[in-house]
Amino acid sequence: MKKQEKIIIFSHENDIDGLGNIILGKMAFGEIEYVLASNVNILEAKFRDCLEKGLLHSYDRIFVTDLALYNPSLEMVSKDPELSKKVLVFDHHRSALNEACDAYSFTKIVETDENGRKRCGTDLFYEYLVMNGLLSKTTSLDEFVELTRLEDTWEWKKTGKKGLKAHDLAILLNGIGLKDYIESIYTKVKENEGSFELTENERRVIEEKKAEYLAKLQRIWSEAEFFVDENENRFAGVFADYEYRNELGEYVREINLDDLKYLIIIALEKGEFGQKSYRSIEAGFDVGKIAEAHGGNGHPAAASVNITKEQKEKCLVLRDRNLRESIKYLVESNYSE
């Protein structure tokens, strides 16, 4: 009897793309271990901690998905003859390409492929698993992976009913939480090889979440402050829980404020000390470049910047005195480790 392989996946916890890789891993290998991180800095630290403690050599396969490894971990893996054959990285973020994270034999970083198709971690990992005979394609898996890609690349907004179905998956995640989402979708694609359909209960959760969002978003937006950045771009900043970041972006776009270029959602509960989520409001405006200039990373339509301990502490002091000044301080702050 063939020995059960020992598998670990490091992935992104923030959205359905990061979790899609865990679901695919469970489909391909059965029992797996996984480590989730909210951003590349935390993932890099977690991976390197395992690396330095010698914990990774016991695994047969080590995958890093929807977030790239950075250095020093990349160099450490490349210089280890055993690990360099076990580790595979699948990511699609432009910031990883800018850092030359694709310059290693064990990394595959693709933002947009040669056919002009935007990629995501889940569909890169799915492609690898199928091509290497580790997972068989099914109609259900094909649709799940494509829905995940549409949501994560923001193409869901251009694809009618299918796009709305993709976005519903993101709302479902917010409604039932990370662990239940993984188990629910895993069970769905495992037990049904046909079309990928949501259950009545899942649809109920989604509709209830949408109704909750509308009331909450109206209140959040009423507390937004407006600014102009160093390049004369008008933007808004607002405090909000992390789970509202995408829906708030959609809500503001529908208001159709002519001169508003982008939005920054400040979630102080996210990650270790908080995170700023950037969302483009004007079509085609690249918030990825704005985030990168402040020490973050992401995509043209959605990006993020971490908040440091010192920044959070100062922000809280300012917020007690003046909401606008606290937001202004944070949106102008840069992240550095």
Protein backbone atom coordinates (compact mmCIF):
# COMPACT_ATOMS: atom_id res chain seq x y z
CA MET A 1 0.00 0.00 0.00
CA LYS A 2 1.37 3.39 -1.03
CA LYS A 3 2.38 5.63 1.86
CA GLN A 4 0.18 8.72 2.37
CA GLU A 5 2.12 11.81 1.31
CA LYS A 6 2.60 14.54 3.88
CA ILE A 7 1.43 17.85 2.40
CA ILE A 8 1.47 21.42 3.68
CA ILE A 9 0.05 24.49 1.95
CA PHE A 10 0.84 28.10 2.88
CA SER A 11 -1.85 30.38 1.50
CA HIS A 12 -3.76 33.64 1.72
CA GLU A 13 -6.57 33.88 4.29
CA ASN A 14 -8.18 37.08 3.03
CA ASP A 15 -10.35 35.85 0.17
CA ILE A 16 -11.81 32.95 -1.76
CA ASP A 17 -8.69 32.64 -3.93
CA GLY A 18 -6.40 31.81 -1.03
CA LEU A 19 -8.94 29.35 0.36
CA GLY A 20 -9.60 27.84 -3.08
CA ASN A 21 -6.10 26.39 -2.99
CA ILE A 22 -6.79 24.64 0.32
CA ILE A 23 -9.93 23.11 -1.18
CA LEU A 24 -8.00 21.90 -4.24
CA GLY A 25 -5.26 20.52 -1.99
CA LYS A 26 -7.82 18.50 -0.03
CA MET A 27 -9.32 17.22 -3.28
CA ALA A 28 -5.93 16.15 -4.64
CA PHE A 29 -4.26 14.74 -1.55
CA GLY A 30 -6.95 14.10 1.03
CA GLU A 31 -5.51 14.95 4.41
CA ILE A 32 -3.34 18.08 4.32
CA GLU A 33 -1.98 20.67 6.70
CA TYR A 34 -2.25 24.35 5.93
CA VAL A 35 -1.01 27.68 7.23
CA LEU A 36 -2.87 30.87 6.38
CA ALA A 37 -1.57 34.44 6.42
CA SER A 38 -3.23 37.80 5.82
CA ASN A 39 -0.34 39.24 3.76
CA VAL A 40 3.05 38.44 2.24
CA ASN A 41 5.03 39.74 5.21
CA ILE A 42 3.26 37.46 7.67
CA LEU A 43 3.46 34.50 5.28
CA GLU A 44 7.16 35.09 4.74
CA ALA A 45 7.73 35.21 8.51
CA LYS A 46 5.71 32.03 9.13
CA PHE A 47 7.42 30.13 6.34
CA ARG A 48 10.87 31.25 7.41
CA ASP A 49 10.15 30.26 11.02
CA CYS A 50 9.30 26.73 9.85
CA LEU A 51 12.36 26.75 7.62
CA GLU A 52 14.78 27.83 10.34
CA LYS A 53 13.37 25.30 12.81
CA GLY A 54 13.86 22.49 10.30
CA LEU A 55 10.15 21.63 10.24
CA LEU A 56 9.71 21.53 6.46
CA HIS A 57 11.98 18.62 5.57
CA SER A 58 9.46 16.10 6.89
CA TYR A 59 6.92 17.07 4.19
CA ASP A 60 6.75 15.42 0.77
CA ARG A 61 5.25 18.45 -0.95
CA ILE A 62 5.20 22.11 0.16
CA PHE A 63 2.98 24.56 -1.71
CA VAL A 64 2.81 28.34 -1.37
CA THR A 65 -0.27 29.71 -3.09
CA ASP A 66 -1.87 33.10 -3.81
CA LEU A 67 1.02 34.80 -2.03
CA ALA A 68 4.63 34.55 -3.10
CA LEU A 69 7.60 33.78 -0.95
CA TYR A 70 10.05 36.63 -0.68
CA ASN A 71 13.65 36.72 0.43
CA PRO A 72 15.42 35.52 2.46
CA SER A 73 13.18 32.44 2.20
CA LEU A 74 13.51 32.12 -1.58
CA GLU A 75 17.30 32.04 -1.40
CA MET A 76 17.24 29.67 1.57
CA VAL A 77 15.04 27.23 -0.35
CA SER A 78 17.09 27.54 -3.54
CA LYS A 79 20.26 26.59 -1.65
CA ASP A 80 18.71 23.53 -0.06
CA PRO A 81 18.87 20.62 -2.56
CA GLU A 82 16.03 18.75 -0.85
CA LEU A 83 13.62 21.64 -0.27
CA SER A 84 14.12 23.16 -3.71
CA LYS A 85 12.55 19.97 -5.12
CA LYS A 86 9.67 19.95 -2.63
CA VAL A 87 8.60 23.61 -2.63
CA LEU A 88 6.35 25.07 -5.35
CA VAL A 89 5.05 28.65 -5.35
CA PHE A 90 1.98 29.76 -7.33
CA ASP A 91 1.12 33.45 -7.25
CA HIS A 92 -0.30 36.16 -9.50
CA HIS A 93 0.49 39.47 -7.77
CA ARG A 94 2.35 42.14 -9.71
CA SER A 95 4.38 43.04 -6.62
CA ALA A 96 5.89 39.53 -6.65
CA LEU A 97 6.93 40.02 -10.27
CA ASN A 98 8.43 43.40 -9.39
CA GLU A 99 10.52 41.67 -6.72
CA ALA A 100 11.68 39.02 -9.24
CA CYS A 101 10.10 36.24 -7.19
CA ASP A 102 9.62 34.31 -10.44
CA ALA A 103 13.38 33.97 -10.98
CA TYR A 104 13.50 30.54 -9.33
CA SER A 105 12.82 27.08 -10.74
CA PHE A 106 10.23 26.38 -8.04
CA THR A 107 8.16 29.57 -8.48
CA LYS A 108 5.43 30.33 -11.00
CA ILE A 109 4.20 33.93 -10.85
CA VAL A 110 1.73 34.90 -13.59
CA GLU A 111 -0.46 38.00 -13.40
CA THR A 112 -1.68 37.82 -17.03
CA ASP A 113 -0.79 34.95 -19.36
CA GLU A 114 0.25 35.05 -23.02
CA ASN A 115 -3.41 34.93 -24.08
CA GLY A 116 -4.24 38.04 -22.06
CA ARG A 117 -6.13 36.03 -19.43
CA LYS A 118 -5.79 37.26 -15.87
CA ARG A 119 -4.74 34.47 -13.55
CA CYS A 120 -5.25 33.77 -9.86
CA GLY A 121 -3.62 31.43 -7.35
CA THR A 122 -6.43 28.88 -7.48
CA ASP A 123 -6.42 28.44 -11.25
CA LEU A 124 -2.61 28.28 -11.43
CA PHE A 125 -2.62 25.56 -8.76
CA TYR A 126 -5.51 23.72 -10.47
CA GLU A 127 -3.64 23.75 -13.76
CA TYR A 128 -0.57 22.25 -12.08
CA LEU A 129 -2.52 19.54 -10.24
CA VAL A 130 -4.40 18.46 -13.39
CA MET A 131 -1.34 18.53 -15.67
CA ASN A 132 0.61 16.38 -13.23
CA GLY A 133 -2.12 13.79 -12.76
CA LEU A 134 -2.75 14.75 -9.15
CA LEU A 135 -6.37 15.81 -9.67
CA SER A 136 -8.95 14.96 -12.31
CA LYS A 137 -10.95 17.73 -13.95
CA THR A 138 -14.71 17.79 -13.37
CA THR A 139 -17.41 20.22 -14.46
CA SER A 140 -17.93 21.25 -10.84
CA LEU A 141 -14.23 21.92 -10.22
CA ASP A 142 -13.85 23.77 -13.52
CA GLU A 143 -16.72 26.09 -12.61
CA PHE A 144 -15.56 26.60 -9.02
CA VAL A 145 -12.06 27.54 -10.17
CA GLU A 146 -13.39 29.91 -12.85
CA LEU A 147 -15.79 31.59 -10.42
CA THR A 148 -12.88 32.08 -8.02
CA ARG A 149 -10.76 33.58 -10.82
CA LEU A 150 -13.54 35.95 -11.87
CA GLU A 151 -14.00 37.22 -8.32
CA ASP A 152 -10.31 37.58 -7.54
CA THR A 153 -9.38 39.39 -10.76
CA TRP A 154 -12.48 41.65 -10.60
CA GLU A 155 -13.64 40.31 -13.95
CA TRP A 156 -16.85 39.25 -12.19
CA LYS A 157 -18.21 42.74 -12.83
CA LYS A 158 -18.04 42.19 -16.60
CA THR A 159 -19.56 38.72 -16.88
CA GLY A 160 -23.25 39.08 -16.07
CA LYS A 161 -24.97 36.32 -14.09
CA LYS A 162 -21.82 34.23 -13.87
CA GLY A 163 -19.99 37.20 -12.41
CA LEU A 164 -22.69 37.76 -9.81
CA LYS A 165 -22.47 34.09 -8.87
CA ALA A 166 -18.71 34.51 -8.44
CA HIS A 167 -19.20 37.51 -6.18
CA ASP A 168 -21.78 35.59 -4.17
CA LEU A 169 -19.01 33.17 -3.18
CA ALA A 170 -17.11 36.05 -1.58
CA ILE A 171 -20.25 37.12 0.28
CA LEU A 172 -20.80 33.52 1.39
CA LEU A 173 -17.28 33.44 2.87
CA ASN A 174 -18.05 36.55 4.91
CA GLY A 175 -21.34 35.02 5.99
CA ILE A 176 -20.12 31.63 7.21
CA GLY A 177 -16.44 32.19 7.97
CA LEU A 178 -13.19 30.67 6.78
CA LYS A 179 -13.37 27.09 8.11
CA ASP A 180 -17.02 26.53 7.18
CA TYR A 181 -16.38 27.93 3.70
CA ILE A 182 -13.53 25.48 3.10
CA GLU A 183 -15.57 22.51 4.32
CA SER A 184 -18.76 23.56 2.50
CA ILE A 185 -17.12 24.06 -0.90
CA TYR A 186 -14.89 21.00 -0.49
CA THR A 187 -17.94 18.82 0.19
CA LYS A 188 -19.78 20.37 -2.76
CA VAL A 189 -17.05 19.71 -5.37
CA LYS A 190 -16.19 16.30 -3.91
CA GLU A 191 -19.74 14.95 -3.93
CA ASN A 192 -20.92 16.55 -7.18
CA GLU A 193 -18.96 16.34 -10.42
CA GLY A 194 -21.71 18.14 -12.37
CA SER A 195 -22.57 21.82 -12.23
CA PHE A 196 -21.44 23.91 -9.28
CA GLU A 197 -24.57 25.08 -7.48
CA LEU A 198 -25.22 26.84 -4.19
CA THR A 199 -27.62 25.28 -1.70
CA GLU A 200 -30.82 26.95 -0.50
CA ASN A 201 -29.21 27.59 2.86
CA GLU A 202 -26.14 29.16 1.24
CA ARG A 203 -28.37 31.42 -0.85
CA ARG A 204 -30.26 32.44 2.28
CA VAL A 205 -26.99 33.34 4.03
CA ILE A 206 -25.92 35.39 1.00
CA GLU A 207 -29.19 37.33 0.79
CA GLU A 208 -29.17 38.03 4.52
CA LYS A 209 -25.58 39.24 4.27
CA LYS A 210 -26.43 41.54 1.37
CA ALA A 211 -29.26 43.14 3.35
CA GLU A 212 -26.96 43.57 6.34
CA TYR A 213 -24.32 45.14 4.10
CA LEU A 214 -26.62 47.81 2.69
CA ALA A 215 -27.58 49.25 6.08
CA LYS A 216 -24.01 49.00 7.35
CA LEU A 217 -22.45 50.55 4.24
CA GLN A 218 -24.72 53.57 4.36
CA ARG A 219 -23.63 54.25 7.94
CA ILE A 220 -19.93 53.67 7.22
CA TRP A 221 -19.94 55.92 4.16
CA SER A 222 -21.55 58.75 6.12
CA GLU A 223 -18.33 58.92 8.16
CA ALA A 224 -15.93 59.05 5.19
CA GLU A 225 -13.44 61.89 4.86
CA PHE A 226 -12.20 63.27 1.53
CA PHE A 227 -8.64 64.21 0.58
CA VAL A 228 -6.38 64.99 -2.38
CA ASP A 229 -3.08 63.11 -2.69
CA GLU A 230 0.30 64.39 -3.87
CA ASN A 231 -0.69 63.69 -7.51
CA GLU A 232 -3.94 65.70 -7.24
CA ASN A 233 -6.08 62.56 -7.11
CA ARG A 234 -9.19 62.95 -4.96
CA PHE A 235 -9.83 60.00 -2.68
CA ALA A 236 -11.83 59.04 0.40
CA GLY A 237 -10.72 57.40 3.62
CA VAL A 238 -12.91 55.67 6.17
CA PHE A 239 -12.72 53.31 9.15
CA ALA A 240 -14.57 50.01 8.62
CA ASP A 241 -14.34 46.37 9.58
CA TYR A 242 -12.24 44.40 7.10
CA GLU A 243 -15.13 42.25 5.84
CA TYR A 244 -16.81 45.32 4.32
CA ARG A 245 -13.87 46.36 2.13
CA ASN A 246 -15.13 44.93 -1.18
CA GLU A 247 -18.79 45.73 -0.68
CA LEU A 248 -17.95 49.29 0.34
CA GLY A 249 -15.96 49.72 -2.85
CA GLU A 250 -18.94 48.53 -4.89
CA TYR A 251 -21.33 50.76 -2.95
CA VAL A 252 -19.20 53.87 -3.58
CA ARG A 253 -18.82 53.09 -7.30
CA GLU A 254 -22.59 52.93 -7.65
CA ILE A 255 -22.94 56.39 -6.07
CA ASN A 256 -21.01 57.62 -9.12
CA LEU A 257 -18.98 60.47 -7.65
CA ASP A 258 -17.40 61.95 -10.75
CA ASP A 259 -14.06 63.12 -9.38
CA LEU A 260 -13.34 60.39 -6.81
CA LYS A 261 -10.40 58.24 -7.94
CA TYR A 262 -10.08 55.73 -5.12
CA LEU A 263 -11.07 54.68 -1.62
CA ILE A 264 -9.00 53.59 1.39
CA ILE A 265 -10.74 51.40 3.97
CA ILE A 266 -8.94 51.30 7.31
CA ALA A 267 -9.52 48.08 9.26
CA LEU A 268 -7.71 48.26 12.58
CA GLU A 269 -8.79 44.72 13.56
CA LYS A 270 -7.17 43.07 10.52
CA GLY A 271 -3.87 41.25 10.91
CA GLU A 272 -1.47 42.15 13.67
CA PHE A 273 -2.04 45.92 13.87
CA GLY A 274 -4.46 46.70 11.07
CA GLN A 275 -4.55 47.07 7.32
CA LYS A 276 -5.48 49.70 4.74
CA SER A 277 -7.43 48.31 1.77
CA TYR A 278 -7.27 50.35 -1.45
CA ARG A 279 -10.13 50.14 -3.98
CA SER A 280 -10.26 51.94 -7.32
CA ILE A 281 -13.45 53.95 -7.83
CA GLU A 282 -12.74 55.49 -11.20
CA ALA A 283 -12.57 52.79 -13.90
CA GLY A 284 -8.98 52.05 -14.85
CA PHE A 285 -7.39 53.91 -11.93
CA ASP A 286 -4.47 51.84 -10.61
CA VAL A 287 -4.53 51.66 -6.81
CA GLY A 288 -1.77 49.03 -6.89
CA LYS A 289 0.74 51.78 -7.67
CA ILE A 290 -0.60 53.95 -4.84
CA ALA A 291 -0.33 51.07 -2.37
CA GLU A 292 3.18 50.16 -3.52
CA ALA A 293 4.31 53.76 -2.97
CA HIS A 294 3.18 53.37 0.65
CA GLY A 295 4.88 50.02 1.25
CA GLY A 296 2.06 47.71 0.18
CA ASN A 297 1.11 45.58 -2.80
CA GLY A 298 -1.81 44.25 -4.79
CA HIS A 299 -3.64 44.64 -8.08
CA PRO A 300 -4.76 47.64 -10.16
CA ALA A 301 -8.31 47.54 -8.74
CA ALA A 302 -7.55 46.29 -5.21
CA ALA A 303 -4.47 46.53 -3.03
CA SER A 304 -3.43 46.83 0.60
CA VAL A 305 -0.88 48.31 2.99
CA ASN A 306 -0.19 47.04 6.50
CA ILE A 307 -0.34 49.28 9.55
CA THR A 308 2.46 49.24 12.12
CA LYS A 309 2.05 49.08 15.88
CA GLU A 310 3.25 52.66 16.27
CA GLN A 311 0.89 53.92 13.57
CA LYS A 312 -2.10 52.19 15.15
CA GLU A 313 -1.30 53.60 18.60
CA LYS A 314 -0.95 57.16 17.27
CA CYS A 315 -4.11 56.77 15.17
CA LEU A 316 -6.16 55.74 18.20
CA VAL A 317 -4.96 58.77 20.16
CA LEU A 318 -5.81 61.07 17.25
CA ARG A 319 -9.21 59.45 16.67
CA ASP A 320 -10.31 60.29 20.19
CA ARG A 321 -9.70 63.96 19.38
CA ASN A 322 -10.38 64.32 15.64
CA LEU A 323 -11.64 61.64 13.22
CA ARG A 324 -10.41 63.43 10.10
CA GLU A 325 -6.89 63.90 11.48
CA SER A 326 -6.62 60.22 12.44
CA ILE A 327 -7.66 59.10 8.94
CA LYS A 328 -5.33 61.65 7.32
CA TYR A 329 -2.43 60.44 9.44
CA LEU A 330 -2.95 56.79 8.47
CA VAL A 331 -3.54 57.28 4.74
CA GLU A 332 -0.33 59.30 4.51
CA SER A 333 1.69 56.73 6.49
CA ASN A 334 4.07 54.28 4.87
CA TYR A 335 4.58 50.67 5.96
CA SER A 336 8.04 49.28 6.65
CA GLU A 337 9.06 46.27 8.71
